[in-house]
C-alpha cells in the first residue's frame, strides 16, 4: 500500500507494482491490519467505519426479526449485548 494525500496519490499514477522473485505484488487502496481495522491509502478510517455501520445494521435487522419470538427483557439484553 502506498500512503499519501488524494492529490499526491493521483499525481503519481505510475505503475507501483513490486516484483519479488517471480511474483508481482500490486498495491491496494485498503488494507486490514492484524487487529481487524481497515485503513485506506489516505490514512482514513472511512472503509472501517463503513464496514462497521453495515455490520451493525445487519445485526439490528436480525434482532428485529426476533422481536415476535422473545419477550421484552430478552430483547433488551440482546440489544445491550450488540452495543457492548
PDB file of N, CA and C in Angstrom:
ATOM      1  N   UNK A   1       0.853  -1.169   0.000  1.00  0.00           N
ATOM      2  CA  UNK A   1       0.000   0.000   0.000  1.00  0.00           C
ATOM      3  C   UNK A   1       0.895   1.225   0.000  1.00  0.00           C
ATOM      4  N   UNK A   2       0.528   2.180  -0.813  1.00  0.00           N
ATOM      5  CA  UNK A   2       1.213   3.466  -0.851  1.00  0.00           C
ATOM      6  C   UNK A   2       0.341   4.464  -0.109  1.00  0.00           C
ATOM      7  N   UNK A   3       0.954   5.262   0.783  1.00  0.00           N
ATOM      8  CA  UNK A   3       0.219   6.235   1.574  1.00  0.00           C
ATOM      9  C   UNK A   3       0.473   7.636   1.053  1.00  0.00           C
ATOM     10  N   UNK A   4      -0.544   8.493   1.117  1.00  0.00           N
ATOM     11  CA  UNK A   4      -0.399   9.891   0.747  1.00  0.00           C
ATOM     12  C   UNK A   4      -1.757  10.550   0.643  1.00  0.00           C
ATOM     13  N   UNK A   5      -1.722  11.853   0.389  1.00  0.00           N
ATOM     14  CA  UNK A   5      -2.984  12.567   0.191  1.00  0.00           C
ATOM     15  C   UNK A   5      -3.602  12.117  -1.122  1.00  0.00           C
ATOM     16  N   UNK A   6      -4.876  12.388  -1.290  1.00  0.00           N
ATOM     17  CA  UNK A   6      -5.567  12.002  -2.521  1.00  0.00           C
ATOM     18  C   UNK A   6      -4.878  12.619  -3.740  1.00  0.00           C
ATOM     19  N   UNK A   7      -4.507  13.900  -3.620  1.00  0.00           N
ATOM     20  CA  UNK A   7      -3.856  14.587  -4.743  1.00  0.00           C
ATOM     21  C   UNK A   7      -2.488  13.967  -5.053  1.00  0.00           C
ATOM     22  N   UNK A   8      -1.722  13.664  -4.010  1.00  0.00           N
ATOM     23  CA  UNK A   8      -0.387  13.088  -4.228  1.00  0.00           C
ATOM     24  C   UNK A   8      -0.484  11.697  -4.839  1.00  0.00           C
ATOM     25  N   UNK A   9      -1.463  10.913  -4.409  1.00  0.00           N
ATOM     26  CA  UNK A   9      -1.624   9.572  -4.965  1.00  0.00           C
ATOM     27  C   UNK A   9      -2.071   9.624  -6.424  1.00  0.00           C
ATOM     28  N   UNK A  10      -2.925  10.584  -6.767  1.00  0.00           N
ATOM     29  CA  UNK A  10      -3.367  10.714  -8.154  1.00  0.00           C
ATOM     30  C   UNK A  10      -2.245  11.245  -9.040  1.00  0.00           C
ATOM     31  N   UNK A  11      -1.407  12.113  -8.478  1.00  0.00           N
ATOM     32  CA  UNK A  11      -0.309  12.689  -9.247  1.00  0.00           C
ATOM     33  C   UNK A  11       0.711  11.618  -9.630  1.00  0.00           C
ATOM     34  N   UNK A  12       0.986  10.716  -8.737  1.00  0.00           N
ATOM     35  CA  UNK A  12       1.961   9.656  -9.009  1.00  0.00           C
ATOM     36  C   UNK A  12       1.240   8.399  -9.471  1.00  0.00           C
ATOM     37  N   UNK A  13       0.627   8.491 -10.625  1.00  0.00           N
ATOM     38  CA  UNK A  13      -0.186   7.376 -11.123  1.00  0.00           C
ATOM     39  C   UNK A  13       0.654   6.323 -11.851  1.00  0.00           C
ATOM     40  N   UNK A  14       1.971   6.392 -11.724  1.00  0.00           N
ATOM     41  CA  UNK A  14       2.829   5.404 -12.368  1.00  0.00           C
ATOM     42  C   UNK A  14       2.568   4.025 -11.765  1.00  0.00           C
ATOM     43  N   UNK A  15       2.954   3.010 -12.496  1.00  0.00           N
ATOM     44  CA  UNK A  15       2.776   1.644 -12.019  1.00  0.00           C
ATOM     45  C   UNK A  15       3.644   1.437 -10.784  1.00  0.00           C
ATOM     46  N   UNK A  16       3.004   1.142  -9.648  1.00  0.00           N
ATOM     47  CA  UNK A  16       3.719   0.976  -8.388  1.00  0.00           C
ATOM     48  C   UNK A  16       3.790  -0.485  -7.974  1.00  0.00           C
ATOM     49  N   UNK A  17       3.695  -1.383  -8.930  1.00  0.00           N
ATOM     50  CA  UNK A  17       3.781  -2.805  -8.620  1.00  0.00           C
ATOM     51  C   UNK A  17       5.208  -3.144  -8.205  1.00  0.00           C
ATOM     52  N   UNK A  18       5.324  -4.183  -7.407  1.00  0.00           N
ATOM     53  CA  UNK A  18       6.611  -4.602  -6.880  1.00  0.00           C
ATOM     54  C   UNK A  18       6.833  -6.056  -7.262  1.00  0.00           C
ATOM     55  N   UNK A  19       7.975  -6.344  -7.865  1.00  0.00           N
ATOM     56  CA  UNK A  19       8.295  -7.717  -8.252  1.00  0.00           C
ATOM     57  C   UNK A  19       9.233  -8.322  -7.222  1.00  0.00           C
ATOM     58  N   UNK A  20       8.802  -9.421  -6.623  1.00  0.00           N
ATOM     59  CA  UNK A  20       9.621 -10.161  -5.672  1.00  0.00           C
ATOM     60  C   UNK A  20       9.792 -11.558  -6.238  1.00  0.00           C
ATOM     61  N   UNK A  21      11.012 -11.867  -6.625  1.00  0.00           N
ATOM     62  CA  UNK A  21      11.321 -13.119  -7.308  1.00  0.00           C
ATOM     63  C   UNK A  21      10.474 -13.176  -8.580  1.00  0.00           C
ATOM     64  N   UNK A  22       9.581 -14.127  -8.705  1.00  0.00           N
ATOM     65  CA  UNK A  22       8.748 -14.206  -9.908  1.00  0.00           C
ATOM     66  C   UNK A  22       7.307 -13.783  -9.625  1.00  0.00           C
ATOM     67  N   UNK A  23       7.062 -13.215  -8.445  1.00  0.00           N
ATOM     68  CA  UNK A  23       5.716 -12.806  -8.043  1.00  0.00           C
ATOM     69  C   UNK A  23       5.605 -11.286  -8.126  1.00  0.00           C
ATOM     70  N   UNK A  24       4.551 -10.809  -8.763  1.00  0.00           N
ATOM     71  CA  UNK A  24       4.301  -9.371  -8.851  1.00  0.00           C
ATOM     72  C   UNK A  24       3.233  -9.003  -7.817  1.00  0.00           C
ATOM     73  N   UNK A  25       3.572  -8.023  -6.983  1.00  0.00           N
ATOM     74  CA  UNK A  25       2.655  -7.566  -5.937  1.00  0.00           C
ATOM     75  C   UNK A  25       2.094  -6.224  -6.363  1.00  0.00           C
ATOM     76  N   UNK A  26       0.775  -6.139  -6.450  1.00  0.00           N
ATOM     77  CA  UNK A  26       0.105  -4.914  -6.866  1.00  0.00           C
ATOM     78  C   UNK A  26      -0.405  -4.160  -5.638  1.00  0.00           C
ATOM     79  N   UNK A  27      -0.275  -2.843  -5.620  1.00  0.00           N
ATOM     80  CA  UNK A  27      -0.769  -2.075  -4.460  1.00  0.00           C
ATOM     81  C   UNK A  27      -2.299  -2.076  -4.408  1.00  0.00           C
ATOM     82  N   UNK A  28      -2.829  -1.888  -3.196  1.00  0.00           N
ATOM     83  CA  UNK A  28      -4.271  -1.825  -2.982  1.00  0.00           C
ATOM     84  C   UNK A  28      -4.618  -0.524  -2.278  1.00  0.00           C
ATOM     85  N   UNK A  29      -5.902  -0.157  -2.280  1.00  0.00           N
ATOM     86  CA  UNK A  29      -6.340   1.092  -1.660  1.00  0.00           C
ATOM     87  C   UNK A  29      -6.704   0.932  -0.188  1.00  0.00           C
ATOM     88  N   UNK A  30      -7.045  -0.297   0.224  1.00  0.00           N
ATOM     89  CA  UNK A  30      -7.462  -0.537   1.600  1.00  0.00           C
ATOM     90  C   UNK A  30      -6.812  -1.823   2.096  1.00  0.00           C
ATOM     91  N   UNK A  31      -6.295  -1.778   3.336  1.00  0.00           N
ATOM     92  CA  UNK A  31      -5.723  -2.977   3.949  1.00  0.00           C
ATOM     93  C   UNK A  31      -6.345  -3.182   5.324  1.00  0.00           C
ATOM     94  N   UNK A  32      -6.282  -4.422   5.801  1.00  0.00           N
ATOM     95  CA  UNK A  32      -6.774  -4.773   7.140  1.00  0.00           C
ATOM     96  C   UNK A  32      -5.558  -5.120   7.976  1.00  0.00           C
ATOM     97  N   UNK A  33      -5.408  -4.446   9.123  1.00  0.00           N
ATOM     98  CA  UNK A  33      -4.273  -4.763   9.991  1.00  0.00           C
ATOM     99  C   UNK A  33      -4.601  -5.982  10.848  1.00  0.00           C
ATOM    100  N   UNK A  34      -3.675  -6.396  11.690  1.00  0.00           N
ATOM    101  CA  UNK A  34      -3.868  -7.611  12.479  1.00  0.00           C
ATOM    102  C   UNK A  34      -5.006  -7.489  13.484  1.00  0.00           C
ATOM    103  N   UNK A  35      -5.369  -6.266  13.849  1.00  0.00           N
ATOM    104  CA  UNK A  35      -6.484  -6.075  14.769  1.00  0.00           C
ATOM    105  C   UNK A  35      -7.827  -6.038  14.075  1.00  0.00           C
ATOM    106  N   UNK A  36      -7.855  -6.170  12.753  1.00  0.00           N
ATOM    107  CA  UNK A  36      -9.096  -6.171  12.001  1.00  0.00           C
ATOM    108  C   UNK A  36      -9.553  -4.796  11.550  1.00  0.00           C
ATOM    109  N   UNK A  37      -8.716  -3.767  11.759  1.00  0.00           N
ATOM    110  CA  UNK A  37      -9.083  -2.407  11.377  1.00  0.00           C
ATOM    111  C   UNK A  37      -8.743  -2.195   9.904  1.00  0.00           C
ATOM    112  N   UNK A  38      -9.685  -1.628   9.149  1.00  0.00           N
ATOM    113  CA  UNK A  38      -9.463  -1.307   7.744  1.00  0.00           C
ATOM    114  C   UNK A  38      -8.908   0.109   7.644  1.00  0.00           C
ATOM    115  N   UNK A  39      -7.805   0.276   6.912  1.00  0.00           N
ATOM    116  CA  UNK A  39      -7.171   1.580   6.746  1.00  0.00           C
ATOM    117  C   UNK A  39      -7.005   1.838   5.254  1.00  0.00           C
ATOM    118  N   UNK A  40      -7.336   3.053   4.828  1.00  0.00           N
ATOM    119  CA  UNK A  40      -7.210   3.401   3.412  1.00  0.00           C
ATOM    120  C   UNK A  40      -5.825   3.969   3.124  1.00  0.00           C
ATOM    121  N   UNK A  41      -5.495   4.073   1.857  1.00  0.00           N
ATOM    122  CA  UNK A  41      -4.198   4.613   1.457  1.00  0.00           C
ATOM    123  C   UNK A  41      -4.061   6.085   1.822  1.00  0.00           C
ATOM    124  N   UNK A  42      -5.180   6.749   2.107  1.00  0.00           N
ATOM    125  CA  UNK A  42      -5.153   8.145   2.541  1.00  0.00           C
ATOM    126  C   UNK A  42      -5.108   8.246   4.068  1.00  0.00           C
ATOM    127  N   UNK A  43      -4.911   7.108   4.726  1.00  0.00           N
ATOM    128  CA  UNK A  43      -4.855   7.007   6.191  1.00  0.00           C
ATOM    129  C   UNK A  43      -6.139   7.500   6.851  1.00  0.00           C
ATOM    130  N   UNK A  44      -7.263   7.172   6.245  1.00  0.00           N
ATOM    131  CA  UNK A  44      -8.557   7.495   6.845  1.00  0.00           C
ATOM    132  C   UNK A  44      -9.181   6.209   7.373  1.00  0.00           C
ATOM    133  N   UNK A  45     -10.160   6.366   8.222  1.00  0.00           N
ATOM    134  CA  UNK A  45     -10.873   5.225   8.787  1.00  0.00           C
ATOM    135  C   UNK A  45     -12.195   4.987   8.058  1.00  0.00           C
ATOM    136  N   UNK A  46     -12.417   5.678   6.944  1.00  0.00           N
ATOM    137  CA  UNK A  46     -13.689   5.591   6.237  1.00  0.00           C
ATOM    138  C   UNK A  46     -14.066   4.154   5.860  1.00  0.00           C
ATOM    139  N   UNK A  47     -13.154   3.345   5.292  1.00  0.00           N
ATOM    140  CA  UNK A  47     -13.553   1.955   4.979  1.00  0.00           C
ATOM    141  C   UNK A  47     -13.948   1.162   6.223  1.00  0.00           C
ATOM    142  N   UNK A  48     -13.244   1.390   7.328  1.00  0.00           N
ATOM    143  CA  UNK A  48     -13.543   0.674   8.561  1.00  0.00           C
ATOM    144  C   UNK A  48     -14.912   1.090   9.105  1.00  0.00           C
ATOM    145  N   UNK A  49     -15.189   2.382   9.095  1.00  0.00           N
ATOM    146  CA  UNK A  49     -16.474   2.888   9.589  1.00  0.00           C
ATOM    147  C   UNK A  49     -17.614   2.375   8.733  1.00  0.00           C
ATOM    148  N   UNK A  50     -17.437   2.386   7.410  1.00  0.00           N
ATOM    149  CA  UNK A  50     -18.479   1.879   6.507  1.00  0.00           C
ATOM    150  C   UNK A  50     -18.772   0.404   6.776  1.00  0.00           C
ATOM    151  N   UNK A  51     -17.741  -0.402   6.980  1.00  0.00           N
ATOM    152  CA  UNK A  51     -17.927  -1.826   7.256  1.00  0.00           C
ATOM    153  C   UNK A  51     -18.611  -2.030   8.604  1.00  0.00           C
ATOM    154  N   UNK A  52     -18.200  -1.248   9.603  1.00  0.00           N
ATOM    155  CA  UNK A  52     -18.789  -1.353  10.941  1.00  0.00           C
ATOM    156  C   UNK A  52     -20.273  -0.988  10.926  1.00  0.00           C
ATOM    157  N   UNK A  53     -20.620   0.091  10.249  1.00  0.00           N
ATOM    158  CA  UNK A  53     -22.020   0.516  10.153  1.00  0.00           C
ATOM    159  C   UNK A  53     -22.848  -0.537   9.418  1.00  0.00           C
ATOM    160  N   UNK A  54     -22.300  -1.073   8.360  1.00  0.00           N
ATOM    161  CA  UNK A  54     -23.004  -2.104   7.602  1.00  0.00           C
ATOM    162  C   UNK A  54     -23.269  -3.337   8.472  1.00  0.00           C
ATOM    163  N   UNK A  55     -22.281  -3.755   9.234  1.00  0.00           N
ATOM    164  CA  UNK A  55     -22.428  -4.911  10.114  1.00  0.00           C
ATOM    165  C   UNK A  55     -23.468  -4.645  11.201  1.00  0.00           C
ATOM    166  N   UNK A  56     -23.447  -3.450  11.776  1.00  0.00           N
ATOM    167  CA  UNK A  56     -24.419  -3.103  12.818  1.00  0.00           C
ATOM    168  C   UNK A  56     -25.846  -3.105  12.274  1.00  0.00           C
ATOM    169  N   UNK A  57     -26.055  -2.516  11.098  1.00  0.00           N
ATOM    170  CA  UNK A  57     -27.392  -2.530  10.505  1.00  0.00           C
ATOM    171  C   UNK A  57     -27.867  -3.952  10.242  1.00  0.00           C
ATOM    172  N   UNK A  58     -26.961  -4.809   9.802  1.00  0.00           N
ATOM    173  CA  UNK A  58     -27.323  -6.208   9.565  1.00  0.00           C
ATOM    174  C   UNK A  58     -27.836  -6.845  10.858  1.00  0.00           C
ATOM    175  N   UNK A  59     -27.096  -6.660  11.951  1.00  0.00           N
ATOM    176  CA  UNK A  59     -27.484  -7.283  13.217  1.00  0.00           C
ATOM    177  C   UNK A  59     -28.752  -6.655  13.799  1.00  0.00           C
ATOM    178  N   UNK A  60     -28.953  -5.372  13.596  1.00  0.00           N
ATOM    179  CA  UNK A  60     -30.195  -4.729  14.054  1.00  0.00           C
ATOM    180  C   UNK A  60     -31.399  -5.296  13.296  1.00  0.00           C
ATOM    181  N   UNK A  61     -31.243  -5.504  11.997  1.00  0.00           N
ATOM    182  CA  UNK A  61     -32.331  -6.107  11.217  1.00  0.00           C
ATOM    183  C   UNK A  61     -32.625  -7.527  11.700  1.00  0.00           C
ATOM    184  N   UNK A  62     -31.566  -8.268  12.042  1.00  0.00           N
ATOM    185  CA  UNK A  62     -31.761  -9.626  12.557  1.00  0.00           C
ATOM    186  C   UNK A  62     -32.490  -9.600  13.908  1.00  0.00           C
ATOM    187  N   UNK A  63     -32.143  -8.636  14.764  1.00  0.00           N
ATOM    188  CA  UNK A  63     -32.832  -8.516  16.053  1.00  0.00           C
ATOM    189  C   UNK A  63     -34.309  -8.198  15.845  1.00  0.00           C
ATOM    190  N   UNK A  64     -34.598  -7.387  14.857  1.00  0.00           N
ATOM    191  CA  UNK A  64     -35.988  -7.028  14.571  1.00  0.00           C
ATOM    192  C   UNK A  64     -36.815  -8.273  14.230  1.00  0.00           C
ATOM    193  N   UNK A  65     -36.190  -9.232  13.563  1.00  0.00           N
ATOM    194  CA  UNK A  65     -36.895 -10.466  13.213  1.00  0.00           C
ATOM    195  C   UNK A  65     -37.204 -11.317  14.446  1.00  0.00           C
ATOM    196  N   UNK A  66     -36.430 -11.115  15.523  1.00  0.00           N
ATOM    197  CA  UNK A  66     -36.632 -11.902  16.738  1.00  0.00           C
ATOM    198  C   UNK A  66     -37.683 -11.330  17.682  1.00  0.00           C
ATOM    199  N   UNK A  67     -38.077 -10.085  17.469  1.00  0.00           N
ATOM    200  CA  UNK A  67     -38.918  -9.412  18.463  1.00  0.00           C
ATOM    201  C   UNK A  67     -40.242 -10.114  18.723  1.00  0.00           C
ATOM    202  N   UNK A  68     -40.748 -10.883  17.792  1.00  0.00           N
ATOM    203  CA  UNK A  68     -42.019 -11.591  17.988  1.00  0.00           C
ATOM    204  C   UNK A  68     -41.819 -12.937  18.703  1.00  0.00           C
ATOM    205  N   UNK A  69     -40.571 -13.347  18.850  1.00  0.00           N
ATOM    206  CA  UNK A  69     -40.288 -14.665  19.420  1.00  0.00           C
ATOM    207  C   UNK A  69     -39.706 -14.616  20.837  1.00  0.00           C
ATOM    208  N   UNK A  70     -39.313 -13.432  21.294  1.00  0.00           N
ATOM    209  CA  UNK A  70     -38.736 -13.306  22.643  1.00  0.00           C
ATOM    210  C   UNK A  70     -39.453 -12.176  23.377  1.00  0.00           C
ATOM    211  N   UNK A  71     -39.382 -12.216  24.707  1.00  0.00           N
ATOM    212  CA  UNK A  71     -40.048 -11.157  25.469  1.00  0.00           C
ATOM    213  C   UNK A  71     -39.180  -9.892  25.510  1.00  0.00           C
ATOM    214  N   UNK A  72     -39.735  -8.846  26.060  1.00  0.00           N
ATOM    215  CA  UNK A  72     -39.089  -7.527  26.067  1.00  0.00           C
ATOM    216  C   UNK A  72     -37.754  -7.526  26.821  1.00  0.00           C
ATOM    217  N   UNK A  73     -37.687  -8.239  27.950  1.00  0.00           N
ATOM    218  CA  UNK A  73     -36.452  -8.279  28.734  1.00  0.00           C
ATOM    219  C   UNK A  73     -35.317  -8.950  27.955  1.00  0.00           C
ATOM    220  N   UNK A  74     -35.636 -10.026  27.277  1.00  0.00           N
ATOM    221  CA  UNK A  74     -34.622 -10.710  26.470  1.00  0.00           C
ATOM    222  C   UNK A  74     -34.162  -9.803  25.328  1.00  0.00           C
ATOM    223  N   UNK A  75     -35.097  -9.088  24.719  1.00  0.00           N
ATOM    224  CA  UNK A  75     -34.731  -8.174  23.629  1.00  0.00           C
ATOM    225  C   UNK A  75     -33.812  -7.067  24.142  1.00  0.00           C
ATOM    226  N   UNK A  76     -34.081  -6.553  25.328  1.00  0.00           N
ATOM    227  CA  UNK A  76     -33.208  -5.535  25.917  1.00  0.00           C
ATOM    228  C   UNK A  76     -31.801  -6.075  26.119  1.00  0.00           C
ATOM    229  N   UNK A  77     -31.701  -7.307  26.582  1.00  0.00           N
ATOM    230  CA  UNK A  77     -30.388  -7.917  26.787  1.00  0.00           C
ATOM    231  C   UNK A  77     -29.647  -8.108  25.458  1.00  0.00           C
ATOM    232  N   UNK A  78     -30.369  -8.507  24.433  1.00  0.00           N
ATOM    233  CA  UNK A  78     -29.752  -8.706  23.126  1.00  0.00           C
ATOM    234  C   UNK A  78     -29.245  -7.385  22.544  1.00  0.00           C
ATOM    235  N   UNK A  79     -30.046  -6.340  22.675  1.00  0.00           N
ATOM    236  CA  UNK A  79     -29.633  -5.026  22.168  1.00  0.00           C
ATOM    237  C   UNK A  79     -28.436  -4.508  22.955  1.00  0.00           C
ATOM    238  N   UNK A  80     -28.445  -4.710  24.261  1.00  0.00           N
ATOM    239  CA  UNK A  80     -27.293  -4.307  25.089  1.00  0.00           C
ATOM    240  C   UNK A  80     -26.043  -5.068  24.692  1.00  0.00           C
ATOM    241  N   UNK A  81     -26.181  -6.354  24.418  1.00  0.00           N
ATOM    242  CA  UNK A  81     -25.035  -7.158  24.007  1.00  0.00           C
ATOM    243  C   UNK A  81     -24.482  -6.670  22.662  1.00  0.00           C
ATOM    244  N   UNK A  82     -25.345  -6.239  21.771  1.00  0.00           N
ATOM    245  CA  UNK A  82     -24.892  -5.718  20.487  1.00  0.00           C
ATOM    246  C   UNK A  82     -24.096  -4.430  20.669  1.00  0.00           C
ATOM    247  N   UNK A  83     -24.544  -3.588  21.581  1.00  0.00           N
ATOM    248  CA  UNK A  83     -23.883  -2.305  21.803  1.00  0.00           C
ATOM    249  C   UNK A  83     -22.524  -2.493  22.459  1.00  0.00           C
ATOM    250  N   UNK A  84     -22.443  -3.390  23.425  1.00  0.00           N
ATOM    251  CA  UNK A  84     -21.170  -3.596  24.134  1.00  0.00           C
ATOM    252  C   UNK A  84     -20.348  -4.572  23.381  1.00  0.00           C
TER     253      UNK A  84
END
